[in-house]
Amino acid sequence: MKKIILKILPLIAAVVLLCVSVMLSVPEVDVSSSKQESPAAEEKPSLPPEEKEEEISAVKTDEQEMRAVWIPFMSLDTGGTDRSEKAFSERIGSIMKKCREIGANTVVFHARPFSDALYPSDIFPSSHIITGKQGEQLSYDPLAIAVESAGKYGLKFHAWINPLRVRFSQSPPELSQDNPYMKWKNNSDPADDRYTFTSDGNIYYNPAYPEVRKMIIDGAREIVGRYDIDGLQIDDYFYPGEGGDYDDKEYEEYKNGTDGHYLTKAQWRRQNINMLVSGLYDAVHSRSGCVFGISPQGNTENDLKMGADVFLWCSQSGYADYICPQLYVSEDHPVLPFGKAAKQWKDMVKLKDLRLYFGLALYKIGTDEDSGTWLKKSDNIRSQTEYIRSIGADGYMLFSFGDISKPEVGKELLKIRS
């Protein structure tokens, strides 16, 4: 028996060595990839050398949940600072780094705030946010820098545009001559003057016209065609409200073209917005893998008054890949409590593939907004994120980056991650 054992011992040793060799040769699986949904996704970009290990471990996220931060134009304004490419790149790097540190996996970057562009555009003038004066020539591409920086920090990137807003609350202070609004006002065709309207001193594009809708849609197609982004989003600037006579002429022309069976003015306005939204959806989908999202007001009654057909968008395909109502209210809001409103939106979503996110108000933390109800507790945002998870929502977006550095906001964000 001993002789037999001695004869097979070399064979056993050889097998063991072979197994160890095979185990050592198997490549490690990267479970932290930001593209888990796609087996053919590119490798997740490595972090910049200065990133600390404790920061990395603090922000590993479940990619099935959206955790986004809105970066509005106010946070990108280079006024009063060095307007150089180097200074902007450093600012953007700092923004992206901070978003990652608080646990975000996506940024929503304001690419077109006021019929202008934070990128070289063939349709819209440069933004005064970057150049100091609308229409001044850009010396660099802010959007390209932002997209690249987000990738370095493993963040997905959604471009954010205001489709109808030309000028609001005296911003921009001056419109350039190459702004579409100015071109239409200054040309020899008075009919083009109807392509825009003014309400309460603010200027909007008039979506009743196919030419206007096409221009806005072409602008979206320009962005997704040039930049490697993950999504494009529009927000809640639709019609100013249900009143106003600024489009009476267009509505009368519409009625005269029917056989006497026509939509109400509110329905007609929603139809105009629906045609715009549908066109934007198609334009965004011209880039493979790019999604189109809408972030309307959280109050559905207000949405309908503004021409935002949120019930349709939540129930029929071809309008949006995700919807993110801006639910900037407390749990004890006297008119629209957070939980009640969130449940209503959850029940509205009838499409299987429509993602539902919620916009949460960082800017109200520590304030006496909503009749002082934000001061009743110190974990408003955490309780809201827990609630939307409990009802099966797909994530949240925080408004906005400019509030992250406030001490009271930082304390609440730590509670979200704990």
Protein backbone atom coordinates (compact mmCIF):
# COMPACT_ATOMS: atom_id res chain seq x y z
CA MET A 1 0.00 0.00 0.00
CA LYS A 2 2.83 2.40 0.87
CA LYS A 3 4.42 1.67 -2.49
CA ILE A 4 1.21 2.59 -4.27
CA ILE A 5 0.93 5.85 -2.34
CA LEU A 6 4.52 6.72 -3.11
CA LYS A 7 3.89 6.10 -6.80
CA ILE A 8 0.84 8.43 -7.02
CA LEU A 9 2.20 11.27 -4.84
CA PRO A 10 4.03 12.93 -7.77
CA LEU A 11 0.82 12.78 -9.82
CA ILE A 12 -1.21 14.44 -7.03
CA ALA A 13 1.38 17.20 -6.66
CA ALA A 14 1.30 17.91 -10.39
CA VAL A 15 -2.49 18.24 -10.37
CA VAL A 16 -2.38 20.65 -7.40
CA LEU A 17 0.22 22.83 -9.10
CA LEU A 18 -1.88 22.93 -12.27
CA CYS A 19 -5.01 24.06 -10.35
CA VAL A 20 -3.11 26.82 -8.55
CA SER A 21 -1.69 28.02 -11.85
CA VAL A 22 -5.14 28.21 -13.45
CA MET A 23 -6.58 30.10 -10.45
CA LEU A 24 -3.82 32.69 -10.58
CA SER A 25 -4.34 33.27 -14.29
CA VAL A 26 -8.08 34.17 -14.04
CA PRO A 27 -8.53 37.99 -14.45
CA GLU A 28 -10.21 39.89 -11.63
CA VAL A 29 -13.81 40.94 -12.35
CA ASP A 30 -14.40 44.70 -12.03
CA VAL A 31 -17.64 44.89 -10.04
CA SER A 32 -17.43 48.67 -9.79
CA SER A 33 -18.05 49.34 -13.49
CA SER A 34 -20.41 52.23 -14.15
CA LYS A 35 -21.83 50.43 -17.20
CA GLN A 36 -23.14 47.27 -15.53
CA GLU A 37 -26.19 47.20 -17.76
CA SER A 38 -24.08 46.64 -20.88
CA PRO A 39 -21.75 43.64 -21.22
CA ALA A 40 -19.88 45.49 -23.96
CA ALA A 41 -19.37 48.67 -21.93
CA GLU A 42 -16.04 50.40 -21.83
CA GLU A 43 -13.82 50.03 -18.80
CA LYS A 44 -14.58 52.55 -16.08
CA PRO A 45 -12.11 55.47 -16.20
CA SER A 46 -9.47 55.45 -13.51
CA LEU A 47 -9.51 58.17 -10.89
CA PRO A 48 -7.10 61.09 -11.04
CA PRO A 49 -3.91 60.47 -9.02
CA GLU A 50 -4.92 62.91 -6.30
CA GLU A 51 -8.10 60.98 -5.42
CA LYS A 52 -7.86 59.54 -1.92
CA GLU A 53 -8.74 55.93 -1.18
CA GLU A 54 -11.24 56.87 1.51
CA GLU A 55 -13.10 59.04 -0.99
CA ILE A 56 -13.28 56.16 -3.44
CA SER A 57 -14.79 53.76 -0.94
CA ALA A 58 -17.29 56.37 0.25
CA VAL A 59 -18.99 56.73 -3.11
CA LYS A 60 -19.34 53.24 -4.54
CA THR A 61 -22.92 53.19 -5.75
CA ASP A 62 -25.61 50.86 -6.95
CA GLU A 63 -25.84 51.81 -10.63
CA GLN A 64 -29.48 50.75 -10.71
CA GLU A 65 -30.36 53.89 -8.73
CA MET A 66 -30.04 57.39 -10.15
CA ARG A 67 -28.19 59.71 -7.79
CA ALA A 68 -27.73 62.93 -9.69
CA VAL A 69 -26.77 66.53 -8.99
CA TRP A 70 -28.02 69.44 -11.07
CA ILE A 71 -25.22 71.87 -12.00
CA PRO A 72 -27.09 75.08 -12.92
CA PHE A 73 -25.68 78.03 -14.83
CA MET A 74 -25.23 79.96 -11.58
CA SER A 75 -22.54 77.48 -10.52
CA LEU A 76 -20.81 77.83 -13.89
CA ASP A 77 -20.78 81.63 -14.16
CA THR A 78 -17.20 82.81 -14.64
CA GLY A 79 -18.05 86.44 -13.87
CA GLY A 80 -15.61 88.12 -11.49
CA THR A 81 -13.05 85.37 -12.02
CA ASP A 82 -10.43 84.35 -14.52
CA ARG A 83 -12.33 83.44 -17.71
CA SER A 84 -9.51 81.29 -19.07
CA GLU A 85 -9.83 77.66 -20.13
CA LYS A 86 -7.46 76.66 -17.33
CA ALA A 87 -9.58 78.35 -14.66
CA PHE A 88 -12.80 76.82 -16.01
CA SER A 89 -11.23 73.35 -16.19
CA GLU A 90 -10.10 73.60 -12.57
CA ARG A 91 -13.56 74.73 -11.49
CA ILE A 92 -15.25 71.88 -13.34
CA GLY A 93 -12.81 69.36 -11.91
CA SER A 94 -13.62 70.60 -8.41
CA ILE A 95 -17.35 70.35 -9.10
CA MET A 96 -17.14 66.80 -10.43
CA LYS A 97 -14.91 65.70 -7.58
CA LYS A 98 -17.36 67.08 -5.02
CA CYS A 99 -20.32 65.41 -6.73
CA ARG A 100 -18.56 62.09 -6.55
CA GLU A 101 -17.61 62.59 -2.92
CA ILE A 102 -21.26 63.01 -1.88
CA GLY A 103 -22.21 59.76 -3.61
CA ALA A 104 -23.59 60.99 -6.93
CA ASN A 105 -23.27 58.82 -10.01
CA THR A 106 -24.62 61.38 -12.52
CA VAL A 107 -24.41 65.11 -13.18
CA VAL A 108 -26.99 67.21 -15.04
CA PHE A 109 -25.06 70.07 -16.64
CA HIS A 110 -26.71 73.31 -17.77
CA ALA A 111 -25.63 73.40 -21.41
CA ARG A 112 -28.19 75.89 -22.72
CA PRO A 113 -29.84 78.21 -20.15
CA PHE A 114 -31.17 81.12 -22.27
CA SER A 115 -31.36 80.44 -25.99
CA ASP A 116 -27.59 80.36 -25.81
CA ALA A 117 -24.90 77.72 -25.56
CA LEU A 118 -22.05 76.72 -23.27
CA TYR A 119 -20.46 75.14 -26.33
CA PRO A 120 -19.69 76.23 -29.91
CA SER A 121 -23.09 76.12 -31.63
CA ASP A 122 -24.22 76.70 -35.19
CA ILE A 123 -27.69 77.68 -33.94
CA PHE A 124 -27.36 79.58 -30.65
CA PRO A 125 -24.92 82.30 -29.54
CA SER A 126 -22.33 81.72 -26.85
CA SER A 127 -23.55 82.21 -23.29
CA HIS A 128 -22.68 85.27 -21.25
CA ILE A 129 -22.13 82.82 -18.40
CA ILE A 130 -18.78 81.94 -19.99
CA THR A 131 -17.80 84.94 -22.12
CA GLY A 132 -19.28 87.78 -20.07
CA LYS A 133 -21.37 88.93 -23.01
CA GLN A 134 -23.72 86.82 -25.09
CA GLY A 135 -22.39 86.12 -28.57
CA GLU A 136 -18.71 86.70 -27.79
CA GLN A 137 -16.50 84.08 -29.42
CA LEU A 138 -15.66 81.12 -27.22
CA SER A 139 -11.95 80.44 -26.83
CA TYR A 140 -12.60 76.89 -25.60
CA ASP A 141 -15.43 74.36 -25.37
CA PRO A 142 -16.90 74.33 -21.83
CA LEU A 143 -19.24 71.42 -22.55
CA ALA A 144 -16.43 69.24 -23.88
CA ILE A 145 -14.38 69.97 -20.76
CA ALA A 146 -17.32 69.10 -18.51
CA VAL A 147 -18.04 65.81 -20.31
CA GLU A 148 -14.39 64.77 -20.10
CA SER A 149 -14.11 65.72 -16.44
CA ALA A 150 -17.26 63.79 -15.51
CA GLY A 151 -15.80 60.72 -17.18
CA LYS A 152 -12.60 61.01 -15.14
CA TYR A 153 -14.64 60.79 -11.97
CA GLY A 154 -16.85 57.94 -13.16
CA LEU A 155 -19.95 60.15 -13.45
CA LYS A 156 -22.59 59.82 -16.13
CA PHE A 157 -23.40 63.05 -17.93
CA HIS A 158 -26.77 64.53 -18.89
CA ALA A 159 -26.90 67.84 -20.78
CA TRP A 160 -29.67 70.16 -19.55
CA ILE A 161 -31.38 72.69 -21.80
CA ASN A 162 -34.18 75.24 -21.45
CA PRO A 163 -36.04 74.85 -24.74
CA LEU A 164 -38.31 77.93 -24.65
CA ARG A 165 -36.59 80.44 -22.38
CA VAL A 166 -34.88 83.33 -24.19
CA ARG A 167 -34.62 85.88 -21.40
CA PHE A 168 -35.86 85.63 -17.83
CA SER A 169 -35.63 88.07 -14.90
CA GLN A 170 -33.38 90.38 -16.94
CA SER A 171 -30.93 87.58 -17.66
CA PRO A 172 -29.01 87.72 -19.91
CA PRO A 173 -28.62 91.49 -19.54
CA GLU A 174 -28.13 91.80 -23.30
CA LEU A 175 -29.09 89.60 -26.25
CA SER A 176 -26.60 89.27 -29.09
CA GLN A 177 -27.46 90.05 -32.70
CA ASP A 178 -26.95 86.38 -33.63
CA ASN A 179 -29.55 85.22 -31.13
CA PRO A 180 -32.47 83.67 -33.09
CA TYR A 181 -34.82 86.06 -31.29
CA MET A 182 -32.89 89.09 -32.55
CA LYS A 183 -32.57 87.68 -36.06
CA TRP A 184 -36.33 87.25 -36.32
CA LYS A 185 -37.03 90.68 -34.86
CA ASN A 186 -34.57 92.43 -37.18
CA ASN A 187 -35.34 90.74 -40.49
CA SER A 188 -37.77 92.09 -43.07
CA ASP A 189 -40.50 89.49 -42.51
CA PRO A 190 -42.94 90.67 -39.80
CA ALA A 191 -44.41 87.16 -39.58
CA ASP A 192 -41.20 86.00 -37.89
CA ASP A 193 -41.90 88.36 -35.01
CA ARG A 194 -44.57 85.87 -33.89
CA TYR A 195 -41.96 83.17 -33.35
CA THR A 196 -41.40 84.59 -29.87
CA PHE A 197 -43.61 86.23 -27.26
CA THR A 198 -43.20 88.24 -24.09
CA SER A 199 -44.96 87.52 -20.80
CA ASP A 200 -44.37 89.54 -17.61
CA GLY A 201 -41.25 90.99 -19.17
CA ASN A 202 -39.79 87.55 -19.95
CA ILE A 203 -39.15 86.32 -23.50
CA TYR A 204 -40.09 82.83 -24.72
CA TYR A 205 -40.01 80.94 -27.99
CA ASN A 206 -43.49 80.27 -29.33
CA PRO A 207 -43.92 76.48 -29.75
CA ALA A 208 -47.06 76.96 -31.87
CA TYR A 209 -44.82 77.27 -34.93
CA PRO A 210 -43.18 74.24 -36.61
CA GLU A 211 -40.16 76.42 -37.48
CA VAL A 212 -39.57 77.18 -33.82
CA ARG A 213 -39.96 73.57 -32.74
CA LYS A 214 -37.56 72.46 -35.47
CA MET A 215 -34.91 74.93 -34.34
CA ILE A 216 -35.10 73.70 -30.75
CA ILE A 217 -35.03 70.06 -31.84
CA ASP A 218 -32.07 70.72 -34.15
CA GLY A 219 -30.29 72.26 -31.17
CA ALA A 220 -30.74 69.05 -29.19
CA ARG A 221 -29.56 67.00 -32.16
CA GLU A 222 -26.48 69.21 -32.37
CA ILE A 223 -25.52 68.37 -28.77
CA VAL A 224 -26.05 64.62 -28.95
CA GLY A 225 -24.32 64.49 -32.32
CA ARG A 226 -21.13 66.14 -31.07
CA TYR A 227 -20.71 65.04 -27.46
CA ASP A 228 -20.44 61.62 -25.85
CA ILE A 229 -23.20 62.14 -23.31
CA ASP A 230 -25.53 59.71 -21.57
CA GLY A 231 -28.68 61.82 -21.66
CA LEU A 232 -30.34 65.14 -22.41
CA GLN A 233 -32.93 66.77 -20.16
CA ILE A 234 -35.41 69.64 -20.40
CA ASP A 235 -36.87 71.28 -17.30
CA ASP A 236 -40.09 73.00 -16.32
CA TYR A 237 -40.01 76.15 -18.48
CA PHE A 238 -42.92 75.56 -20.84
CA TYR A 239 -45.69 78.14 -21.28
CA PRO A 240 -45.66 80.83 -18.54
CA GLY A 241 -49.10 79.74 -17.28
CA GLU A 242 -52.68 79.21 -18.38
CA GLY A 243 -53.48 82.89 -18.86
CA GLY A 244 -52.05 85.43 -21.27
CA ASP A 245 -53.10 86.64 -24.71
CA TYR A 246 -49.66 86.39 -26.29
CA ASP A 247 -50.72 83.53 -28.58
CA ASP A 248 -54.33 84.51 -29.29
CA LYS A 249 -53.53 85.08 -32.97
CA GLU A 250 -52.05 81.59 -33.39
CA TYR A 251 -54.94 79.96 -31.56
CA GLU A 252 -57.51 81.74 -33.74
CA GLU A 253 -55.66 80.65 -36.86
CA TYR A 254 -55.70 77.09 -35.56
CA LYS A 255 -59.46 77.21 -34.92
CA ASN A 256 -60.13 78.68 -38.36
CA GLY A 257 -58.36 75.71 -39.89
CA THR A 258 -60.68 73.18 -38.30
CA ASP A 259 -64.21 72.10 -39.19
CA GLY A 260 -65.58 73.61 -36.00
CA HIS A 261 -64.35 70.82 -33.75
CA TYR A 262 -61.29 72.19 -32.04
CA LEU A 263 -59.27 71.84 -28.87
CA THR A 264 -59.56 74.27 -26.01
CA LYS A 265 -56.68 76.70 -25.74
CA ALA A 266 -55.16 74.73 -22.87
CA GLN A 267 -55.40 71.49 -24.88
CA TRP A 268 -53.97 73.20 -27.97
CA ARG A 269 -51.00 74.48 -25.99
CA ARG A 270 -50.35 71.00 -24.60
CA GLN A 271 -50.49 69.66 -28.14
CA ASN A 272 -47.82 72.16 -29.22
CA ILE A 273 -45.57 71.11 -26.34
CA ASN A 274 -46.21 67.43 -27.06
CA MET A 275 -45.03 67.86 -30.66
CA LEU A 276 -41.88 69.56 -29.37
CA VAL A 277 -41.24 66.88 -26.75
CA SER A 278 -41.80 64.05 -29.23
CA GLY A 279 -39.33 65.66 -31.63
CA LEU A 280 -36.74 66.08 -28.88
CA TYR A 281 -37.18 62.43 -27.90
CA ASP A 282 -36.45 61.33 -31.47
CA ALA A 283 -33.47 63.68 -31.79
CA VAL A 284 -31.87 62.43 -28.57
CA HIS A 285 -32.36 58.84 -29.65
CA SER A 286 -30.29 59.52 -32.75
CA ARG A 287 -27.34 58.80 -30.43
CA SER A 288 -27.30 55.16 -29.43
CA GLY A 289 -27.69 54.66 -25.70
CA CYS A 290 -28.59 58.30 -25.02
CA VAL A 291 -31.76 58.90 -23.00
CA PHE A 292 -34.21 61.80 -22.96
CA GLY A 293 -35.63 63.08 -19.70
CA ILE A 294 -38.11 65.72 -18.55
CA SER A 295 -38.11 67.46 -15.17
CA PRO A 296 -41.50 69.17 -14.74
CA GLN A 297 -42.89 70.86 -11.67
CA GLY A 298 -43.99 68.56 -8.88
CA ASN A 299 -47.52 70.01 -8.84
CA THR A 300 -49.39 68.33 -11.70
CA GLU A 301 -52.09 71.03 -11.79
CA ASN A 302 -49.42 73.65 -12.48
CA ASP A 303 -47.89 71.43 -15.15
CA LEU A 304 -51.12 71.18 -17.10
CA LYS A 305 -51.63 74.95 -16.90
CA MET A 306 -48.15 75.41 -18.40
CA GLY A 307 -48.80 73.03 -21.29
CA ALA A 308 -46.86 70.15 -19.77
CA ASP A 309 -48.93 67.03 -20.50
CA VAL A 310 -47.38 64.97 -17.72
CA PHE A 311 -50.14 62.36 -17.62
CA LEU A 312 -49.60 61.61 -21.31
CA TRP A 313 -45.81 61.46 -20.94
CA CYS A 314 -46.16 58.96 -18.11
CA SER A 315 -48.54 56.68 -19.99
CA GLN A 316 -47.56 56.70 -23.68
CA SER A 317 -44.25 55.84 -25.29
CA GLY A 318 -42.30 58.19 -27.54
CA TYR A 319 -42.07 61.15 -25.16
CA ALA A 320 -39.50 60.39 -22.46
CA ASP A 321 -37.17 57.75 -21.07
CA TYR A 322 -37.38 59.23 -17.59
CA ILE A 323 -39.42 61.81 -15.77
CA CYS A 324 -38.16 63.68 -12.72
CA PRO A 325 -40.78 65.87 -11.05
CA GLN A 326 -39.27 68.68 -9.01
CA LEU A 327 -40.79 67.71 -5.68
CA TYR A 328 -39.30 70.59 -3.71
CA VAL A 329 -41.62 70.26 -0.72
CA SER A 330 -41.37 68.96 2.83
CA GLU A 331 -43.15 65.93 4.22
CA ASP A 332 -45.39 68.30 6.19
CA HIS A 333 -46.07 70.80 3.43
CA PRO A 334 -49.49 72.32 4.21
CA VAL A 335 -50.81 71.91 0.64
CA LEU A 336 -48.67 69.30 -1.15
CA PRO A 337 -47.00 66.91 1.32
CA PHE A 338 -44.02 65.10 -0.15
CA GLY A 339 -45.29 61.58 0.43
CA LYS A 340 -48.71 62.22 -1.05
CA ALA A 341 -47.26 63.90 -4.14
CA ALA A 342 -44.61 61.22 -4.66
CA LYS A 343 -47.22 58.46 -4.49
CA GLN A 344 -49.35 60.30 -7.03
CA TRP A 345 -46.44 60.43 -9.48
CA LYS A 346 -45.65 56.78 -8.89
CA ASP A 347 -49.26 55.86 -9.71
CA MET A 348 -49.15 58.04 -12.84
CA VAL A 349 -46.32 56.05 -14.41
CA LYS A 350 -47.93 53.42 -16.59
CA LEU A 351 -45.02 52.68 -18.93
CA LYS A 352 -42.86 49.75 -17.94
CA ASP A 353 -39.65 51.29 -19.27
CA LEU A 354 -40.20 54.85 -18.02
CA ARG A 355 -37.83 55.65 -15.17
CA LEU A 356 -39.18 57.74 -12.31
CA TYR A 357 -36.80 60.00 -10.41
CA PHE A 358 -37.58 62.78 -7.95
CA GLY A 359 -36.00 66.21 -7.75
CA LEU A 360 -35.14 67.02 -4.12
CA ALA A 361 -34.57 70.50 -2.71
CA LEU A 362 -31.16 70.88 -1.13
CA TYR A 363 -31.70 74.64 -1.17
CA LYS A 364 -34.54 74.41 1.37
CA ILE A 365 -32.53 72.58 4.02
CA GLY A 366 -32.22 74.71 7.16
CA THR A 367 -34.68 77.32 5.89
CA ASP A 368 -38.17 78.31 7.02
CA GLU A 369 -39.64 77.47 3.60
CA ASP A 370 -42.98 75.63 3.37
CA SER A 371 -44.36 77.29 6.51
CA GLY A 372 -41.27 76.36 8.51
CA THR A 373 -41.77 72.62 8.08
CA TRP A 374 -38.17 72.04 6.93
CA LEU A 375 -37.02 73.01 10.42
CA LYS A 376 -38.99 70.26 12.16
CA LYS A 377 -36.29 67.65 11.50
CA SER A 378 -32.65 67.43 10.47
CA ASP A 379 -32.89 64.51 8.07
CA ASN A 380 -35.47 65.68 5.53
CA ILE A 381 -33.56 64.51 2.47
CA ARG A 382 -32.68 61.12 3.92
CA SER A 383 -36.29 60.40 4.84
CA GLN A 384 -37.36 61.47 1.36
CA THR A 385 -34.84 59.19 -0.36
CA GLU A 386 -35.91 56.32 1.86
CA TYR A 387 -39.55 56.95 1.03
CA ILE A 388 -39.10 57.05 -2.73
CA ARG A 389 -37.13 53.80 -2.53
CA SER A 390 -39.97 52.24 -0.56
CA ILE A 391 -42.50 53.04 -3.31
CA GLY A 392 -40.24 51.69 -6.04
CA ALA A 393 -38.92 54.90 -7.65
CA ASP A 394 -35.65 54.71 -9.56
CA GLY A 395 -33.64 57.43 -7.88
CA TYR A 396 -33.34 61.15 -7.27
CA MET A 397 -31.72 64.37 -8.46
CA LEU A 398 -30.51 67.04 -6.04
CA PHE A 399 -31.01 70.76 -6.65
CA SER A 400 -28.46 71.99 -6.69
CA PHE A 401 -24.67 71.88 -6.65
CA GLY A 402 -24.51 75.45 -5.39
CA ASP A 403 -25.99 74.37 -2.04
CA ILE A 404 -23.73 71.38 -1.36
CA SER A 405 -21.12 73.36 0.57
CA LYS A 406 -23.59 74.77 3.09
CA PRO A 407 -22.86 73.21 6.52
CA GLU A 408 -26.46 72.20 7.18
CA VAL A 409 -26.70 70.59 3.73
CA GLY A 410 -23.45 68.71 4.23
CA LYS A 411 -24.77 67.20 7.46
CA GLU A 412 -27.90 65.92 5.70
CA LEU A 413 -25.91 64.49 2.79
CA LEU A 414 -23.79 62.54 5.26
CA LYS A 415 -26.98 61.01 6.62
CA ILE A 416 -28.00 59.88 3.12
CA ARG A 417 -24.72 57.97 2.81
CA SER A 418 -24.79 56.51 6.34
